[in-house]
Amino acid sequence: IAALAAGLAPAQKVSLVLWHSYSGSRAELFNTLVKEWNKANPSISIKAEYGGSLWSMRDKLLTALAGGAGPNLAEIDSYWTPIFAKPGQLVDLEPFIGADKDFNKADLARASLQSTQYRGQSYSVPFNLSTIVMYYNKGLFKAAGLDNTKAPADWAELVAFAQKLTVDKNGDGTPDQRGVTFPTSANTGAVWYWLAFFFQQEGKLFNDALNAGTFNSEAGAAATDLWRQLAREKLMSLSPGSADFEAENAAMELSSSSVLGRYRDNMGNARFGLAALPKGKAAATVTGGGNMAMFSNCPDKKAGWAVLKWLNSTQVNKRWALSTGSIPVRQSVVETP
């Protein structure tokens, strides 16, 4: 860790405030990493603070920065980079990347690198890359007479499986166990999940000239109609998914790969399976997650870069990916044993 800050240590001790979105086991791991950094780098102290979820932190950051306050470093959602870079609130990292022979930009996963960019410049570094996957309850599959080693392969099987896995246990007309669950409200990521279905129908969000939206297309209608069918037939839970899946009130869940660690801890590997999303015309999913960025209020930009470089390093990302289920942001992580 100290080696990552070599040549970047300030003459006087610097304390940098870093906001993150983590809770539970991910917060424990993140705080452990910060403690290790602070112990190895006494001249650059990180003060980690919970800034809210990635649904709420954006507005909190915007308000704080507008008032001349806010953190020096923060996790930002991967699509926030332009929001903060355009008004000049983020530090352009290209000069640091270009001058740092130990930072291998070519090693970054393509999806990760794209999320850091604004007009060709890097304004953040990848940290917590995730993608939508399917979790399924092996016990509930077996009880429904389904092969609990196989998840539904396509949309038709998703509906068929959900029909078998939806159970009205007390006969009141309302299923107590739903076949599938995933976010369906705007403040919990519904658009992100809808896009996966949209791209599975080979949909495009914009025309080639990038001056008109094209999501209101056959692909968009097909994705929405599938959701409508699942809702109309009461096959889909409309409450937040994680609680229903852990309580076995839903047999399948579409969720982020980054919750794998929580399910592994709370449910045990034997109780659930992990699979790619059922495909439509094509197999597709979407990426998301959090990057780490430096704001223009950072009192020592070299110290800030040292922290970002470390958070994006192969050794840190390997620990993070193995523990949480996040997708590696560097090819060098994929290539480790």
Protein backbone atom coordinates (compact mmCIF):
# COMPACT_ATOMS: atom_id res chain seq x y z
CA ILE A 1 0.00 0.00 0.00
CA ALA A 2 2.76 2.43 0.90
CA ALA A 3 4.44 1.69 -2.42
CA LEU A 4 1.37 2.94 -4.25
CA ALA A 5 1.83 6.33 -2.63
CA ALA A 6 5.59 6.47 -3.22
CA GLY A 7 6.62 9.82 -4.65
CA LEU A 8 3.16 11.24 -3.96
CA ALA A 9 3.39 11.75 -0.21
CA PRO A 10 2.90 15.41 0.81
CA ALA A 11 5.37 17.36 2.95
CA GLN A 12 2.71 17.81 5.63
CA LYS A 13 -0.04 15.44 6.70
CA VAL A 14 -3.19 15.65 4.58
CA SER A 15 -6.64 14.44 5.65
CA LEU A 16 -9.06 13.62 2.83
CA VAL A 17 -12.80 13.05 3.30
CA LEU A 18 -14.18 10.25 1.15
CA TRP A 19 -17.92 9.53 0.77
CA HIS A 20 -19.06 6.03 -0.15
CA SER A 21 -22.37 4.18 -0.51
CA TYR A 22 -21.60 0.97 1.33
CA SER A 23 -23.41 -0.68 4.20
CA GLY A 24 -23.32 -4.09 5.85
CA SER A 25 -20.49 -6.43 4.90
CA ARG A 26 -19.34 -4.17 2.06
CA ALA A 27 -18.94 -1.28 4.50
CA GLU A 28 -16.92 -3.53 6.81
CA LEU A 29 -14.59 -4.47 3.96
CA PHE A 30 -14.28 -0.88 2.74
CA ASN A 31 -13.48 0.41 6.23
CA THR A 32 -10.91 -2.36 6.65
CA LEU A 33 -9.21 -1.25 3.44
CA VAL A 34 -9.19 2.38 4.64
CA LYS A 35 -7.66 1.37 7.98
CA GLU A 36 -4.91 -0.52 6.15
CA TRP A 37 -4.20 2.52 4.00
CA ASN A 38 -4.08 4.90 6.96
CA LYS A 39 -1.69 2.63 8.83
CA ALA A 40 0.68 2.35 5.86
CA ASN A 41 0.43 6.01 4.81
CA PRO A 42 0.51 8.27 7.88
CA SER A 43 0.98 11.40 5.75
CA ILE A 44 -2.26 10.84 3.78
CA SER A 45 -5.22 10.08 6.03
CA ILE A 46 -8.55 8.96 4.59
CA LYS A 47 -11.70 9.81 6.54
CA ALA A 48 -14.37 7.49 5.12
CA GLU A 49 -18.00 8.56 5.55
CA TYR A 50 -21.28 7.03 4.41
CA GLY A 51 -22.75 9.49 1.94
CA GLY A 52 -26.00 7.64 1.23
CA SER A 53 -27.06 5.11 -1.34
CA LEU A 54 -26.32 5.64 -5.02
CA TRP A 55 -29.97 6.66 -5.34
CA SER A 56 -29.65 9.50 -2.84
CA MET A 57 -26.01 10.61 -2.75
CA ARG A 58 -26.04 12.49 -6.06
CA ASP A 59 -28.36 15.25 -4.82
CA LYS A 60 -26.52 15.37 -1.50
CA LEU A 61 -23.23 15.85 -3.34
CA LEU A 62 -24.65 18.51 -5.65
CA THR A 63 -26.05 20.46 -2.69
CA ALA A 64 -22.85 20.20 -0.64
CA LEU A 65 -20.57 21.21 -3.51
CA ALA A 66 -22.79 24.15 -4.43
CA GLY A 67 -22.42 25.37 -0.86
CA GLY A 68 -18.63 25.15 -0.94
CA ALA A 69 -18.56 22.00 1.18
CA GLY A 70 -18.66 18.30 0.44
CA PRO A 71 -16.02 15.56 0.34
CA ASN A 72 -12.64 15.68 -1.36
CA LEU A 73 -13.10 12.21 -2.84
CA ALA A 74 -16.26 10.20 -3.39
CA GLU A 75 -17.74 7.14 -4.96
CA ILE A 76 -19.93 8.28 -7.81
CA ASP A 77 -22.36 6.22 -9.82
CA SER A 78 -20.87 5.30 -13.16
CA TYR A 79 -23.30 7.52 -15.06
CA TRP A 80 -22.65 10.61 -12.88
CA THR A 81 -19.26 11.41 -14.40
CA PRO A 82 -20.60 13.95 -16.95
CA ILE A 83 -22.96 15.48 -14.36
CA PHE A 84 -20.05 16.57 -12.17
CA ALA A 85 -17.36 16.95 -14.85
CA LYS A 86 -19.26 19.42 -17.04
CA PRO A 87 -19.45 22.21 -14.38
CA GLY A 88 -15.81 21.63 -13.42
CA GLN A 89 -16.44 19.97 -10.07
CA LEU A 90 -14.27 16.94 -10.86
CA VAL A 91 -10.50 16.91 -11.31
CA ASP A 92 -9.33 15.80 -14.76
CA LEU A 93 -7.21 12.73 -14.04
CA GLU A 94 -5.52 12.49 -17.44
CA PRO A 95 -2.39 14.44 -16.35
CA PHE A 96 -1.94 12.08 -13.39
CA ILE A 97 -2.55 8.99 -15.52
CA GLY A 98 -0.10 10.20 -18.16
CA ALA A 99 2.62 10.96 -15.63
CA ASP A 100 2.22 7.76 -13.61
CA LYS A 101 4.18 4.93 -15.24
CA ASP A 102 2.68 2.42 -12.78
CA PHE A 103 -0.94 3.13 -13.79
CA ASN A 104 -1.93 0.86 -16.68
CA LYS A 105 -4.96 2.44 -18.36
CA ALA A 106 -5.00 -0.27 -21.04
CA ASP A 107 -5.61 -2.87 -18.31
CA LEU A 108 -9.03 -1.38 -17.45
CA ALA A 109 -12.10 -3.30 -18.59
CA ARG A 110 -13.75 -1.52 -21.53
CA ALA A 111 -17.07 -0.95 -19.75
CA SER A 112 -15.23 0.43 -16.74
CA LEU A 113 -13.08 2.79 -18.79
CA GLN A 114 -16.07 4.16 -20.71
CA SER A 115 -17.84 5.09 -17.49
CA THR A 116 -14.93 7.28 -16.39
CA GLN A 117 -14.93 9.41 -19.53
CA TYR A 118 -16.29 12.84 -20.38
CA ARG A 119 -15.32 14.24 -23.79
CA GLY A 120 -12.37 11.90 -24.01
CA GLN A 121 -10.89 12.71 -20.61
CA SER A 122 -10.86 10.55 -17.46
CA TYR A 123 -12.64 12.05 -14.47
CA SER A 124 -12.87 9.00 -12.22
CA VAL A 125 -11.36 5.55 -11.77
CA PRO A 126 -13.38 2.31 -11.77
CA PHE A 127 -13.92 0.60 -8.44
CA ASN A 128 -17.20 -1.30 -8.03
CA LEU A 129 -18.31 -2.61 -11.43
CA SER A 130 -21.49 -4.68 -11.42
CA THR A 131 -23.89 -6.27 -13.84
CA ILE A 132 -27.40 -7.72 -13.60
CA VAL A 133 -27.54 -11.48 -13.03
CA MET A 134 -30.17 -13.99 -11.94
CA TYR A 135 -30.28 -15.56 -8.48
CA TYR A 136 -32.61 -18.52 -7.96
CA ASN A 137 -33.65 -20.56 -4.94
CA LYS A 138 -32.63 -24.20 -5.41
CA GLY A 139 -35.04 -25.52 -2.77
CA LEU A 140 -38.06 -23.77 -4.28
CA PHE A 141 -37.05 -24.98 -7.75
CA LYS A 142 -36.94 -28.57 -6.48
CA ALA A 143 -40.30 -28.22 -4.73
CA ALA A 144 -41.84 -26.99 -8.01
CA GLY A 145 -40.45 -29.98 -9.92
CA LEU A 146 -37.81 -27.93 -11.73
CA ASP A 147 -34.18 -28.86 -12.29
CA ASN A 148 -32.43 -26.82 -9.62
CA THR A 149 -29.14 -26.79 -11.53
CA LYS A 150 -30.59 -24.77 -14.42
CA ALA A 151 -32.08 -21.28 -14.56
CA PRO A 152 -34.51 -20.20 -17.31
CA ALA A 153 -32.63 -19.73 -20.57
CA ASP A 154 -34.98 -17.31 -22.36
CA TRP A 155 -38.08 -15.17 -21.90
CA ALA A 156 -40.49 -18.04 -22.58
CA GLU A 157 -38.82 -20.16 -19.89
CA LEU A 158 -38.76 -17.18 -17.50
CA VAL A 159 -42.56 -16.95 -17.72
CA ALA A 160 -43.04 -20.73 -17.57
CA PHE A 161 -40.74 -21.08 -14.54
CA ALA A 162 -42.40 -18.12 -12.81
CA GLN A 163 -45.82 -19.71 -13.31
CA LYS A 164 -44.66 -22.92 -11.63
CA LEU A 165 -42.92 -21.04 -8.83
CA THR A 166 -45.82 -18.69 -7.98
CA VAL A 167 -47.83 -20.22 -5.12
CA ASP A 168 -50.98 -19.08 -3.29
CA LYS A 169 -50.38 -20.98 -0.06
CA ASN A 170 -53.49 -19.89 1.85
CA GLY A 171 -55.96 -19.76 -1.04
CA ASP A 172 -56.89 -16.09 -0.66
CA GLY A 173 -56.25 -15.29 -4.31
CA THR A 174 -52.98 -13.48 -3.67
CA PRO A 175 -49.75 -15.43 -4.15
CA ASP A 176 -47.63 -15.75 -1.04
CA GLN A 177 -44.65 -16.86 -3.11
CA ARG A 178 -43.87 -15.06 -6.36
CA GLY A 179 -41.95 -16.51 -9.24
CA VAL A 180 -39.62 -13.59 -9.79
CA THR A 181 -38.72 -10.19 -8.39
CA PHE A 182 -36.66 -7.20 -9.49
CA PRO A 183 -36.86 -3.42 -8.98
CA THR A 184 -39.86 -1.76 -10.60
CA SER A 185 -39.77 1.76 -9.12
CA ALA A 186 -37.69 4.65 -10.39
CA ASN A 187 -35.74 5.23 -7.20
CA THR A 188 -34.60 1.62 -6.96
CA GLY A 189 -33.23 1.17 -10.48
CA ALA A 190 -36.20 0.19 -12.63
CA VAL A 191 -34.77 1.92 -15.72
CA TRP A 192 -31.47 0.06 -15.35
CA TYR A 193 -33.30 -3.27 -15.24
CA TRP A 194 -35.66 -2.36 -18.09
CA LEU A 195 -32.65 -1.55 -20.27
CA ALA A 196 -31.40 -5.12 -19.95
CA PHE A 197 -34.68 -6.43 -21.42
CA PHE A 198 -34.63 -3.67 -24.04
CA PHE A 199 -31.12 -4.59 -25.19
CA GLN A 200 -32.13 -8.26 -25.25
CA GLN A 201 -34.54 -7.23 -28.03
CA GLU A 202 -31.64 -5.51 -29.82
CA GLY A 203 -33.07 -2.10 -29.02
CA LYS A 204 -31.20 1.18 -29.45
CA LEU A 205 -31.81 4.20 -27.24
CA PHE A 206 -30.98 6.82 -29.89
CA ASN A 207 -30.93 7.17 -33.64
CA ASP A 208 -27.63 7.23 -35.50
CA ALA A 209 -27.52 11.04 -35.47
CA LEU A 210 -27.97 11.03 -31.67
CA ASN A 211 -30.67 13.69 -31.90
CA ALA A 212 -33.77 11.63 -31.12
CA GLY A 213 -34.69 8.84 -28.75
CA THR A 214 -35.72 5.49 -30.22
CA PHE A 215 -36.63 3.56 -27.09
CA ASN A 216 -40.35 3.80 -28.02
CA SER A 217 -39.86 1.03 -30.55
CA GLU A 218 -40.81 -2.61 -31.06
CA ALA A 219 -37.94 -3.52 -28.75
CA GLY A 220 -39.19 -1.13 -26.05
CA ALA A 221 -42.76 -2.37 -26.41
CA ALA A 222 -41.63 -6.01 -26.16
CA ALA A 223 -39.64 -5.35 -22.97
CA THR A 224 -42.54 -3.47 -21.40
CA ASP A 225 -45.09 -6.10 -22.45
CA LEU A 226 -43.09 -8.83 -20.74
CA TRP A 227 -43.08 -6.81 -17.50
CA ARG A 228 -46.84 -6.23 -17.89
CA GLN A 229 -47.46 -9.95 -18.32
CA LEU A 230 -45.46 -10.83 -15.21
CA ALA A 231 -47.36 -8.19 -13.22
CA ARG A 232 -50.83 -9.00 -14.60
CA GLU A 233 -50.45 -12.71 -13.88
CA LYS A 234 -49.13 -11.89 -10.37
CA LEU A 235 -45.91 -13.75 -11.15
CA MET A 236 -43.72 -10.83 -10.13
CA SER A 237 -43.31 -9.23 -6.73
CA LEU A 238 -43.64 -5.44 -6.83
CA SER A 239 -41.81 -4.93 -3.54
CA PRO A 240 -38.02 -4.47 -3.35
CA GLY A 241 -36.47 -7.75 -4.38
CA SER A 242 -33.73 -8.55 -1.90
CA ALA A 243 -35.97 -8.95 1.15
CA ASP A 244 -38.41 -11.18 -0.76
CA PHE A 245 -35.66 -13.39 -2.15
CA GLU A 246 -33.87 -13.87 1.17
CA ALA A 247 -37.19 -14.63 2.91
CA GLU A 248 -38.08 -17.15 0.16
CA ASN A 249 -41.12 -15.10 -0.84
CA ALA A 250 -39.71 -14.96 -4.36
CA ALA A 251 -38.02 -17.88 -6.11
CA MET A 252 -35.98 -15.91 -8.63
CA GLU A 253 -34.44 -12.46 -8.45
CA LEU A 254 -32.75 -10.26 -11.00
CA SER A 255 -30.18 -8.25 -9.10
CA SER A 256 -26.68 -6.86 -9.14
CA SER A 257 -23.75 -9.25 -9.15
CA SER A 258 -22.38 -7.16 -6.26
CA VAL A 259 -24.91 -8.59 -3.77
CA LEU A 260 -23.47 -12.09 -4.21
CA GLY A 261 -21.33 -11.68 -1.09
CA ARG A 262 -24.37 -10.78 1.03
CA TYR A 263 -26.38 -13.76 -0.18
CA ARG A 264 -23.40 -16.03 0.34
CA ASP A 265 -23.15 -14.79 3.94
CA ASN A 266 -26.88 -14.73 4.74
CA MET A 267 -28.17 -17.73 2.78
CA GLY A 268 -25.19 -19.99 2.18
CA ASN A 269 -23.99 -21.14 -1.23
CA ALA A 270 -26.08 -24.32 -1.17
CA ARG A 271 -29.42 -22.48 -1.10
CA PHE A 272 -29.16 -20.42 -4.25
CA GLY A 273 -27.85 -20.57 -7.80
CA LEU A 274 -26.37 -17.87 -9.99
CA ALA A 275 -26.96 -17.53 -13.73
CA ALA A 276 -26.92 -15.18 -16.68
CA LEU A 277 -30.15 -13.36 -17.51
CA PRO A 278 -32.71 -15.20 -19.66
CA LYS A 279 -32.23 -13.97 -23.20
CA GLY A 280 -34.65 -12.46 -25.70
CA LYS A 281 -33.56 -12.15 -29.32
CA ALA A 282 -30.04 -11.82 -27.93
CA ALA A 283 -28.20 -12.36 -24.68
CA ALA A 284 -27.61 -8.99 -23.01
CA THR A 285 -27.22 -7.31 -19.67
CA VAL A 286 -26.11 -3.86 -18.48
CA THR A 287 -23.23 -2.66 -16.36
CA GLY A 288 -23.30 -0.19 -13.51
CA GLY A 289 -21.69 0.44 -10.17
CA GLY A 290 -19.49 3.04 -8.56
CA ASN A 291 -16.32 4.84 -9.61
CA MET A 292 -14.00 6.86 -7.38
CA ALA A 293 -13.52 10.53 -8.20
CA MET A 294 -11.62 13.57 -6.90
CA PHE A 295 -13.35 16.93 -6.51
CA SER A 296 -11.77 20.31 -7.21
CA ASN A 297 -11.86 21.13 -3.48
CA CYS A 298 -9.24 18.44 -2.76
CA PRO A 299 -6.44 20.24 -0.86
CA ASP A 300 -3.67 18.06 -2.29
CA LYS A 301 -4.34 16.63 -5.74
CA LYS A 302 -1.26 14.36 -5.70
CA ALA A 303 -2.42 12.82 -2.43
CA GLY A 304 -5.91 12.42 -3.84
CA TRP A 305 -4.51 10.67 -6.90
CA ALA A 306 -2.49 8.31 -4.69
CA VAL A 307 -5.70 7.21 -2.97
CA LEU A 308 -7.64 6.79 -6.24
CA LYS A 309 -4.78 4.82 -7.79
CA TRP A 310 -4.71 2.49 -4.79
CA LEU A 311 -8.49 1.95 -4.80
CA ASN A 312 -8.27 1.03 -8.49
CA SER A 313 -5.25 -1.24 -8.07
CA THR A 314 -5.21 -4.92 -8.98
CA GLN A 315 -4.69 -6.06 -5.38
CA VAL A 316 -7.56 -3.99 -3.94
CA ASN A 317 -9.97 -4.79 -6.75
CA LYS A 318 -9.21 -8.51 -6.46
CA ARG A 319 -10.15 -8.47 -2.76
CA TRP A 320 -13.27 -6.43 -3.48
CA ALA A 321 -14.45 -8.67 -6.33
CA LEU A 322 -13.87 -11.94 -4.46
CA SER A 323 -15.67 -10.67 -1.36
CA THR A 324 -18.66 -8.91 -2.92
CA GLY A 325 -19.30 -10.49 -6.31
CA SER A 326 -18.50 -7.29 -8.19
CA ILE A 327 -17.04 -7.69 -11.66
CA PRO A 328 -13.26 -7.11 -11.86
CA VAL A 329 -12.46 -3.69 -13.31
CA ARG A 330 -9.01 -4.78 -14.48
CA GLN A 331 -7.98 -7.61 -16.77
CA SER A 332 -5.06 -8.25 -14.44
CA VAL A 333 -7.57 -9.20 -11.73
CA VAL A 334 -9.23 -11.73 -14.03
CA GLU A 335 -5.84 -13.24 -14.77
CA THR A 336 -4.87 -13.83 -11.11
CA PRO A 337 -5.25 -17.35 -9.63
